[in-house]
């Protein structure tokens, strides 16, 4: 697998019908990072706090959010998680709402994840890749697509 697929630990991808709100979505991708051994629950709190303080800047493209907190001791290993929603949710972003793909990012420092982010950006820049992700029915399909 490539660097992108390798960034997802076991149990880090969830396909779900819906969530209540953006905080629920961020908590879920954070919990997936915790479950896959990439971060601690303290990091999930920092992910939520970042959006409360800075707003919906994490909505990086139409329909796509990248939730993260600051690099800290709460990050055990750089990695990603992904929540694919059947029903979109509002993050209160002026241009890129509603959101159906919510990625979680855990980074150990400010530099080591840059290659990973470049690969993710390149992958997501192709609309067909985004559409294919939204059609996935299980984590194996997602990993195959990302790999």
N, C-alpha and C. Protein backbone atom coordinates (compact mmCIF):
# COMPACT_ATOMS: atom_id res chain seq x y z
N UNK A 1 0.84 -1.20 0.00
CA UNK A 1 0.00 0.00 0.00
C UNK A 1 0.87 1.25 0.00
N UNK A 2 0.28 2.35 -0.38
CA UNK A 2 1.01 3.61 -0.42
C UNK A 2 0.97 4.32 0.92
N UNK A 3 1.65 5.44 0.97
CA UNK A 3 1.73 6.21 2.21
C UNK A 3 0.34 6.62 2.71
N UNK A 4 -0.57 6.92 1.77
CA UNK A 4 -1.91 7.35 2.16
C UNK A 4 -2.67 6.23 2.84
N UNK A 5 -2.75 5.07 2.21
CA UNK A 5 -3.48 3.94 2.81
C UNK A 5 -2.81 3.49 4.10
N UNK A 6 -1.48 3.56 4.16
CA UNK A 6 -0.75 3.13 5.36
C UNK A 6 -1.01 4.03 6.56
N UNK A 7 -1.48 5.24 6.33
CA UNK A 7 -1.74 6.18 7.42
C UNK A 7 -2.97 5.81 8.22
N UNK A 8 -3.79 4.92 7.67
CA UNK A 8 -5.01 4.49 8.36
C UNK A 8 -4.72 3.21 9.14
N UNK A 9 -4.86 3.28 10.46
CA UNK A 9 -4.68 2.10 11.29
C UNK A 9 -5.94 1.24 11.28
N UNK A 10 -5.83 0.07 11.83
CA UNK A 10 -6.99 -0.82 11.90
C UNK A 10 -8.11 -0.16 12.71
N UNK A 11 -9.31 -0.19 12.17
CA UNK A 11 -10.45 0.40 12.86
C UNK A 11 -10.53 1.91 12.74
N UNK A 12 -9.88 2.48 11.73
CA UNK A 12 -9.85 3.95 11.62
C UNK A 12 -10.82 4.50 10.58
N UNK A 13 -11.62 3.64 9.97
CA UNK A 13 -12.56 4.07 8.93
C UNK A 13 -13.96 3.63 9.33
N UNK A 14 -14.91 4.56 9.22
CA UNK A 14 -16.30 4.27 9.58
C UNK A 14 -17.22 4.87 8.52
N UNK A 15 -18.17 4.06 8.08
CA UNK A 15 -19.22 4.52 7.18
C UNK A 15 -20.51 4.51 7.98
N UNK A 16 -21.15 5.66 8.03
CA UNK A 16 -22.30 5.82 8.92
C UNK A 16 -23.40 6.60 8.20
N UNK A 17 -24.63 6.31 8.53
CA UNK A 17 -25.75 7.00 7.91
C UNK A 17 -25.73 8.49 8.23
N UNK A 18 -25.65 8.82 9.52
CA UNK A 18 -25.71 10.23 9.90
C UNK A 18 -25.11 10.44 11.29
N UNK A 19 -24.82 11.70 11.58
CA UNK A 19 -24.42 12.13 12.92
C UNK A 19 -25.23 13.38 13.23
N UNK A 20 -25.27 13.74 14.50
CA UNK A 20 -26.10 14.86 14.94
C UNK A 20 -25.59 16.21 14.45
N UNK A 21 -24.27 16.42 14.56
CA UNK A 21 -23.70 17.73 14.23
C UNK A 21 -22.20 17.61 14.01
N UNK A 22 -21.56 18.76 13.76
CA UNK A 22 -20.12 18.73 13.48
C UNK A 22 -19.31 18.24 14.67
N UNK A 23 -19.72 18.59 15.88
CA UNK A 23 -19.00 18.11 17.06
C UNK A 23 -19.04 16.58 17.15
N UNK A 24 -20.18 16.01 16.83
CA UNK A 24 -20.30 14.54 16.83
C UNK A 24 -19.38 13.93 15.78
N UNK A 25 -19.32 14.55 14.60
CA UNK A 25 -18.46 14.04 13.53
C UNK A 25 -16.99 14.13 13.94
N UNK A 26 -16.59 15.24 14.52
CA UNK A 26 -15.20 15.41 14.95
C UNK A 26 -14.87 14.43 16.07
N UNK A 27 -15.78 14.26 17.01
CA UNK A 27 -15.56 13.29 18.09
C UNK A 27 -15.38 11.88 17.53
N UNK A 28 -16.20 11.55 16.54
CA UNK A 28 -16.12 10.21 15.94
C UNK A 28 -14.77 9.98 15.25
N UNK A 29 -14.31 10.94 14.42
CA UNK A 29 -13.02 10.72 13.76
C UNK A 29 -11.89 10.72 14.78
N UNK A 30 -12.04 11.49 15.84
CA UNK A 30 -11.06 11.45 16.92
C UNK A 30 -11.05 10.11 17.61
N UNK A 31 -12.23 9.58 17.90
CA UNK A 31 -12.33 8.26 18.54
C UNK A 31 -11.74 7.18 17.65
N UNK A 32 -11.87 7.33 16.32
CA UNK A 32 -11.26 6.36 15.39
C UNK A 32 -9.74 6.43 15.46
N UNK A 33 -9.20 7.64 15.63
CA UNK A 33 -7.74 7.78 15.80
C UNK A 33 -7.29 7.09 17.09
N UNK A 34 -8.08 7.24 18.14
CA UNK A 34 -7.77 6.60 19.42
C UNK A 34 -7.84 5.08 19.27
N UNK A 35 -8.92 4.59 18.66
CA UNK A 35 -9.11 3.14 18.50
C UNK A 35 -8.00 2.50 17.66
N UNK A 36 -7.45 3.26 16.72
CA UNK A 36 -6.40 2.71 15.86
C UNK A 36 -5.00 2.94 16.42
N UNK A 37 -4.92 3.47 17.63
CA UNK A 37 -3.62 3.62 18.29
C UNK A 37 -2.82 4.84 17.87
N UNK A 38 -3.44 5.79 17.22
CA UNK A 38 -2.73 6.98 16.74
C UNK A 38 -2.71 8.12 17.75
N UNK A 39 -3.70 8.16 18.65
CA UNK A 39 -3.81 9.29 19.58
C UNK A 39 -4.52 8.85 20.86
N UNK A 40 -4.50 9.73 21.84
CA UNK A 40 -5.22 9.49 23.08
C UNK A 40 -6.50 10.34 23.09
N UNK A 41 -7.36 10.08 24.04
CA UNK A 41 -8.62 10.83 24.12
C UNK A 41 -8.38 12.33 24.38
N UNK A 42 -7.25 12.67 24.96
CA UNK A 42 -6.91 14.07 25.17
C UNK A 42 -6.81 14.80 23.83
N UNK A 43 -6.31 14.11 22.83
CA UNK A 43 -6.20 14.70 21.50
C UNK A 43 -7.57 14.99 20.90
N UNK A 44 -8.53 14.12 21.13
CA UNK A 44 -9.89 14.33 20.62
C UNK A 44 -10.43 15.65 21.18
N UNK A 45 -10.20 15.90 22.44
CA UNK A 45 -10.66 17.16 23.05
C UNK A 45 -10.00 18.35 22.37
N UNK A 46 -8.73 18.23 21.99
CA UNK A 46 -8.05 19.34 21.32
C UNK A 46 -8.59 19.56 19.92
N UNK A 47 -9.05 18.50 19.26
CA UNK A 47 -9.65 18.63 17.93
C UNK A 47 -10.95 19.44 18.03
N UNK A 48 -11.76 19.11 19.03
CA UNK A 48 -13.02 19.83 19.24
C UNK A 48 -12.77 21.28 19.63
N UNK A 49 -11.79 21.50 20.48
CA UNK A 49 -11.46 22.85 20.93
C UNK A 49 -11.00 23.73 19.77
N UNK A 50 -10.23 23.16 18.84
CA UNK A 50 -9.73 23.94 17.71
C UNK A 50 -10.88 24.51 16.88
N UNK A 51 -11.90 23.72 16.63
CA UNK A 51 -13.04 24.20 15.84
C UNK A 51 -13.86 25.20 16.63
N UNK A 52 -13.98 25.01 17.92
CA UNK A 52 -14.72 25.97 18.74
C UNK A 52 -14.03 27.33 18.75
N UNK A 53 -12.71 27.32 18.78
CA UNK A 53 -11.95 28.57 18.83
C UNK A 53 -11.85 29.22 17.45
N UNK A 54 -11.49 28.44 16.44
CA UNK A 54 -11.16 28.99 15.12
C UNK A 54 -12.26 28.88 14.08
N UNK A 55 -13.34 28.18 14.40
CA UNK A 55 -14.43 28.04 13.45
C UNK A 55 -14.21 26.91 12.46
N UNK A 56 -15.00 26.87 11.39
CA UNK A 56 -15.01 25.73 10.47
C UNK A 56 -13.91 25.76 9.41
N UNK A 57 -12.74 26.30 9.75
CA UNK A 57 -11.62 26.33 8.81
C UNK A 57 -11.22 24.93 8.34
N UNK A 58 -11.62 23.91 9.09
CA UNK A 58 -11.24 22.54 8.75
C UNK A 58 -12.00 21.99 7.55
N UNK A 59 -13.01 22.71 7.07
CA UNK A 59 -13.71 22.28 5.86
C UNK A 59 -12.86 22.77 4.70
N UNK A 60 -12.05 21.85 4.17
CA UNK A 60 -10.96 22.21 3.26
C UNK A 60 -11.36 22.25 1.78
N UNK A 61 -12.50 21.66 1.46
CA UNK A 61 -12.99 21.62 0.08
C UNK A 61 -14.48 21.32 0.15
N UNK A 62 -15.19 21.53 -0.95
CA UNK A 62 -16.62 21.21 -0.90
C UNK A 62 -16.89 19.78 -0.44
N UNK A 63 -17.63 19.67 0.67
CA UNK A 63 -18.02 18.36 1.18
C UNK A 63 -16.97 17.61 1.98
N UNK A 64 -15.80 18.25 2.23
CA UNK A 64 -14.68 17.54 2.88
C UNK A 64 -14.13 18.35 4.05
N UNK A 65 -14.04 17.70 5.21
CA UNK A 65 -13.45 18.33 6.39
C UNK A 65 -12.23 17.53 6.83
N UNK A 66 -11.24 18.22 7.39
CA UNK A 66 -10.04 17.59 7.93
C UNK A 66 -9.87 18.08 9.37
N UNK A 67 -10.38 17.29 10.30
CA UNK A 67 -10.35 17.66 11.71
C UNK A 67 -8.98 17.30 12.31
N UNK A 68 -8.45 18.20 13.11
CA UNK A 68 -7.14 17.97 13.73
C UNK A 68 -6.96 18.90 14.91
N UNK A 69 -6.00 18.57 15.73
CA UNK A 69 -5.58 19.43 16.82
C UNK A 69 -4.10 19.73 16.62
N UNK A 70 -3.51 20.41 17.57
CA UNK A 70 -2.08 20.70 17.49
C UNK A 70 -1.28 19.44 17.81
N UNK A 71 -0.10 19.31 17.18
CA UNK A 71 0.79 18.22 17.58
C UNK A 71 1.08 18.32 19.08
N UNK A 72 1.04 17.18 19.75
CA UNK A 72 1.27 17.17 21.19
C UNK A 72 1.62 15.75 21.64
N UNK A 73 1.85 15.61 22.93
CA UNK A 73 2.12 14.28 23.50
C UNK A 73 0.91 13.37 23.40
N UNK A 74 -0.26 13.94 23.13
CA UNK A 74 -1.48 13.14 22.99
C UNK A 74 -1.53 12.41 21.66
N UNK A 75 -0.62 12.75 20.74
CA UNK A 75 -0.50 12.04 19.47
C UNK A 75 0.57 10.97 19.64
N UNK A 76 0.19 9.73 19.42
CA UNK A 76 1.12 8.61 19.59
C UNK A 76 1.86 8.29 18.30
N UNK A 77 1.20 8.54 17.16
CA UNK A 77 1.77 8.24 15.85
C UNK A 77 1.00 9.03 14.81
N UNK A 78 1.69 9.55 13.81
CA UNK A 78 1.00 10.27 12.75
C UNK A 78 0.07 9.32 12.00
N UNK A 79 -1.15 9.77 11.77
CA UNK A 79 -2.10 8.93 11.06
C UNK A 79 -3.39 9.64 10.73
N UNK A 80 -4.24 8.92 10.01
CA UNK A 80 -5.53 9.44 9.57
C UNK A 80 -6.67 8.53 9.99
N UNK A 81 -7.85 9.12 10.06
CA UNK A 81 -9.09 8.37 10.21
C UNK A 81 -10.09 8.98 9.22
N UNK A 82 -11.18 8.27 8.98
CA UNK A 82 -12.16 8.77 8.02
C UNK A 82 -13.56 8.34 8.41
N UNK A 83 -14.46 9.30 8.38
CA UNK A 83 -15.89 9.08 8.57
C UNK A 83 -16.57 9.45 7.26
N UNK A 84 -17.26 8.49 6.66
CA UNK A 84 -18.03 8.73 5.45
C UNK A 84 -19.50 8.74 5.85
N UNK A 85 -20.18 9.83 5.57
CA UNK A 85 -21.57 9.99 5.96
C UNK A 85 -22.51 9.84 4.77
N UNK A 86 -23.58 9.12 4.95
CA UNK A 86 -24.61 9.01 3.92
C UNK A 86 -25.40 10.31 3.83
N UNK A 87 -25.64 10.93 4.98
CA UNK A 87 -26.38 12.20 5.03
C UNK A 87 -25.39 13.30 5.43
N UNK A 88 -25.31 14.31 4.61
CA UNK A 88 -24.36 15.39 4.87
C UNK A 88 -24.76 16.21 6.10
N UNK A 89 -23.76 16.88 6.66
CA UNK A 89 -23.98 17.74 7.82
C UNK A 89 -23.39 19.12 7.57
N UNK A 90 -23.87 20.09 8.31
CA UNK A 90 -23.39 21.46 8.20
C UNK A 90 -22.27 21.70 9.22
N UNK A 91 -21.19 22.30 8.75
CA UNK A 91 -20.10 22.72 9.62
C UNK A 91 -20.11 24.23 9.81
N UNK A 92 -21.08 24.92 9.17
CA UNK A 92 -21.18 26.37 9.16
C UNK A 92 -20.05 27.03 8.36
N UNK A 93 -19.59 26.35 7.33
CA UNK A 93 -18.60 26.94 6.44
C UNK A 93 -19.33 27.67 5.33
N UNK A 94 -18.90 28.87 5.02
CA UNK A 94 -19.64 29.72 4.08
C UNK A 94 -19.66 29.19 2.65
N UNK A 95 -18.67 28.40 2.25
CA UNK A 95 -18.61 27.94 0.86
C UNK A 95 -18.63 26.43 0.69
N UNK A 96 -18.08 25.68 1.62
CA UNK A 96 -17.84 24.25 1.39
C UNK A 96 -18.82 23.30 2.07
N UNK A 97 -19.84 23.81 2.74
CA UNK A 97 -20.88 22.96 3.32
C UNK A 97 -21.80 22.48 2.20
N UNK A 98 -22.52 21.42 2.40
CA UNK A 98 -22.48 20.47 3.52
C UNK A 98 -21.34 19.46 3.34
N UNK A 99 -21.05 18.71 4.40
CA UNK A 99 -19.91 17.79 4.45
C UNK A 99 -20.38 16.34 4.55
N UNK A 100 -19.72 15.47 3.77
CA UNK A 100 -19.97 14.03 3.88
C UNK A 100 -18.71 13.22 4.17
N UNK A 101 -17.55 13.80 3.91
CA UNK A 101 -16.28 13.13 4.21
C UNK A 101 -15.58 13.91 5.31
N UNK A 102 -15.35 13.25 6.44
CA UNK A 102 -14.66 13.89 7.56
C UNK A 102 -13.42 13.07 7.88
N UNK A 103 -12.27 13.64 7.58
CA UNK A 103 -11.00 13.01 7.90
C UNK A 103 -10.54 13.50 9.27
N UNK A 104 -9.86 12.64 10.00
CA UNK A 104 -9.20 13.01 11.24
C UNK A 104 -7.70 12.90 11.01
N UNK A 105 -6.94 13.86 11.48
CA UNK A 105 -5.48 13.84 11.34
C UNK A 105 -4.85 13.95 12.72
N UNK A 106 -3.93 13.05 12.98
CA UNK A 106 -3.07 13.13 14.16
C UNK A 106 -1.64 13.28 13.64
N UNK A 107 -0.95 14.32 14.08
CA UNK A 107 0.43 14.56 13.64
C UNK A 107 1.32 14.72 14.86
N UNK A 108 2.47 14.06 14.83
CA UNK A 108 3.38 14.10 15.97
C UNK A 108 4.15 15.42 16.06
N UNK A 109 4.28 16.12 14.93
CA UNK A 109 4.98 17.40 14.92
C UNK A 109 4.45 18.23 13.75
N UNK A 110 5.08 19.35 13.47
CA UNK A 110 4.58 20.25 12.43
C UNK A 110 5.08 19.93 11.03
N UNK A 111 6.01 18.97 10.88
CA UNK A 111 6.58 18.70 9.57
C UNK A 111 6.37 17.29 9.03
N UNK A 112 6.42 16.28 9.88
CA UNK A 112 6.48 14.90 9.40
C UNK A 112 5.25 14.44 8.62
N UNK A 113 4.15 15.14 8.75
CA UNK A 113 2.92 14.73 8.05
C UNK A 113 2.71 15.45 6.72
N UNK A 114 3.64 16.30 6.33
CA UNK A 114 3.43 17.13 5.13
C UNK A 114 3.35 16.29 3.85
N UNK A 115 4.17 15.26 3.74
CA UNK A 115 4.10 14.39 2.56
C UNK A 115 2.75 13.66 2.52
N UNK A 116 2.29 13.22 3.68
CA UNK A 116 0.99 12.57 3.78
C UNK A 116 -0.12 13.52 3.34
N UNK A 117 -0.07 14.78 3.81
CA UNK A 117 -1.09 15.76 3.43
C UNK A 117 -1.04 16.07 1.94
N UNK A 118 0.15 16.09 1.37
CA UNK A 118 0.28 16.33 -0.07
C UNK A 118 -0.39 15.20 -0.86
N UNK A 119 -0.18 13.96 -0.42
CA UNK A 119 -0.82 12.83 -1.09
C UNK A 119 -2.33 12.87 -0.94
N UNK A 120 -2.80 13.22 0.26
CA UNK A 120 -4.24 13.32 0.48
C UNK A 120 -4.84 14.41 -0.41
N UNK A 121 -4.18 15.56 -0.47
CA UNK A 121 -4.67 16.67 -1.29
C UNK A 121 -4.72 16.27 -2.77
N UNK A 122 -3.69 15.59 -3.22
CA UNK A 122 -3.67 15.15 -4.62
C UNK A 122 -4.81 14.17 -4.89
N UNK A 123 -5.02 13.23 -3.99
CA UNK A 123 -6.09 12.25 -4.14
C UNK A 123 -7.45 12.94 -4.18
N UNK A 124 -7.68 13.85 -3.25
CA UNK A 124 -8.98 14.53 -3.15
C UNK A 124 -9.21 15.56 -4.24
N UNK A 125 -8.15 15.96 -4.94
CA UNK A 125 -8.32 16.95 -6.01
C UNK A 125 -9.00 16.35 -7.23
N UNK A 126 -9.05 15.03 -7.32
CA UNK A 126 -9.74 14.36 -8.42
C UNK A 126 -11.18 14.06 -7.99
N UNK A 127 -12.14 14.70 -8.62
CA UNK A 127 -13.54 14.52 -8.23
C UNK A 127 -13.97 13.06 -8.31
N UNK A 128 -13.43 12.30 -9.25
CA UNK A 128 -13.79 10.89 -9.36
C UNK A 128 -13.36 10.12 -8.11
N UNK A 129 -12.22 10.48 -7.52
CA UNK A 129 -11.79 9.83 -6.28
C UNK A 129 -12.75 10.14 -5.14
N UNK A 130 -13.18 11.39 -5.05
CA UNK A 130 -14.13 11.78 -4.01
C UNK A 130 -15.45 11.02 -4.21
N UNK A 131 -15.93 10.98 -5.43
CA UNK A 131 -17.17 10.26 -5.73
C UNK A 131 -17.04 8.78 -5.40
N UNK A 132 -15.90 8.20 -5.72
CA UNK A 132 -15.67 6.78 -5.42
C UNK A 132 -15.65 6.53 -3.92
N UNK A 133 -15.04 7.42 -3.15
CA UNK A 133 -15.04 7.29 -1.69
C UNK A 133 -16.47 7.28 -1.16
N UNK A 134 -17.29 8.17 -1.69
CA UNK A 134 -18.67 8.28 -1.23
C UNK A 134 -19.50 7.05 -1.57
N UNK A 135 -19.07 6.27 -2.55
CA UNK A 135 -19.78 5.05 -2.94
C UNK A 135 -19.29 3.81 -2.20
N UNK A 136 -18.20 3.92 -1.44
CA UNK A 136 -17.65 2.76 -0.72
C UNK A 136 -18.64 2.27 0.32
N UNK A 137 -18.70 0.95 0.49
CA UNK A 137 -19.62 0.37 1.48
C UNK A 137 -18.89 -0.26 2.66
N UNK A 138 -17.56 -0.35 2.60
CA UNK A 138 -16.81 -0.87 3.75
C UNK A 138 -15.37 -0.35 3.72
N UNK A 139 -14.68 -0.55 4.82
CA UNK A 139 -13.33 0.01 4.97
C UNK A 139 -12.33 -0.62 3.99
N UNK A 140 -12.54 -1.87 3.61
CA UNK A 140 -11.63 -2.52 2.67
C UNK A 140 -11.68 -1.81 1.31
N UNK A 141 -12.89 -1.43 0.89
CA UNK A 141 -13.01 -0.69 -0.37
C UNK A 141 -12.31 0.65 -0.28
N UNK A 142 -12.45 1.31 0.85
CA UNK A 142 -11.80 2.61 1.04
C UNK A 142 -10.28 2.45 0.94
N UNK A 143 -9.73 1.49 1.66
CA UNK A 143 -8.28 1.28 1.67
C UNK A 143 -7.77 0.90 0.27
N UNK A 144 -8.53 0.10 -0.43
CA UNK A 144 -8.15 -0.28 -1.79
C UNK A 144 -8.10 0.95 -2.70
N UNK A 145 -9.07 1.81 -2.56
CA UNK A 145 -9.13 3.04 -3.35
C UNK A 145 -7.97 3.96 -3.00
N UNK A 146 -7.66 4.08 -1.73
CA UNK A 146 -6.58 4.96 -1.27
C UNK A 146 -5.20 4.39 -1.58
N UNK A 147 -5.12 3.07 -1.69
CA UNK A 147 -3.84 2.39 -1.87
C UNK A 147 -3.31 2.50 -3.26
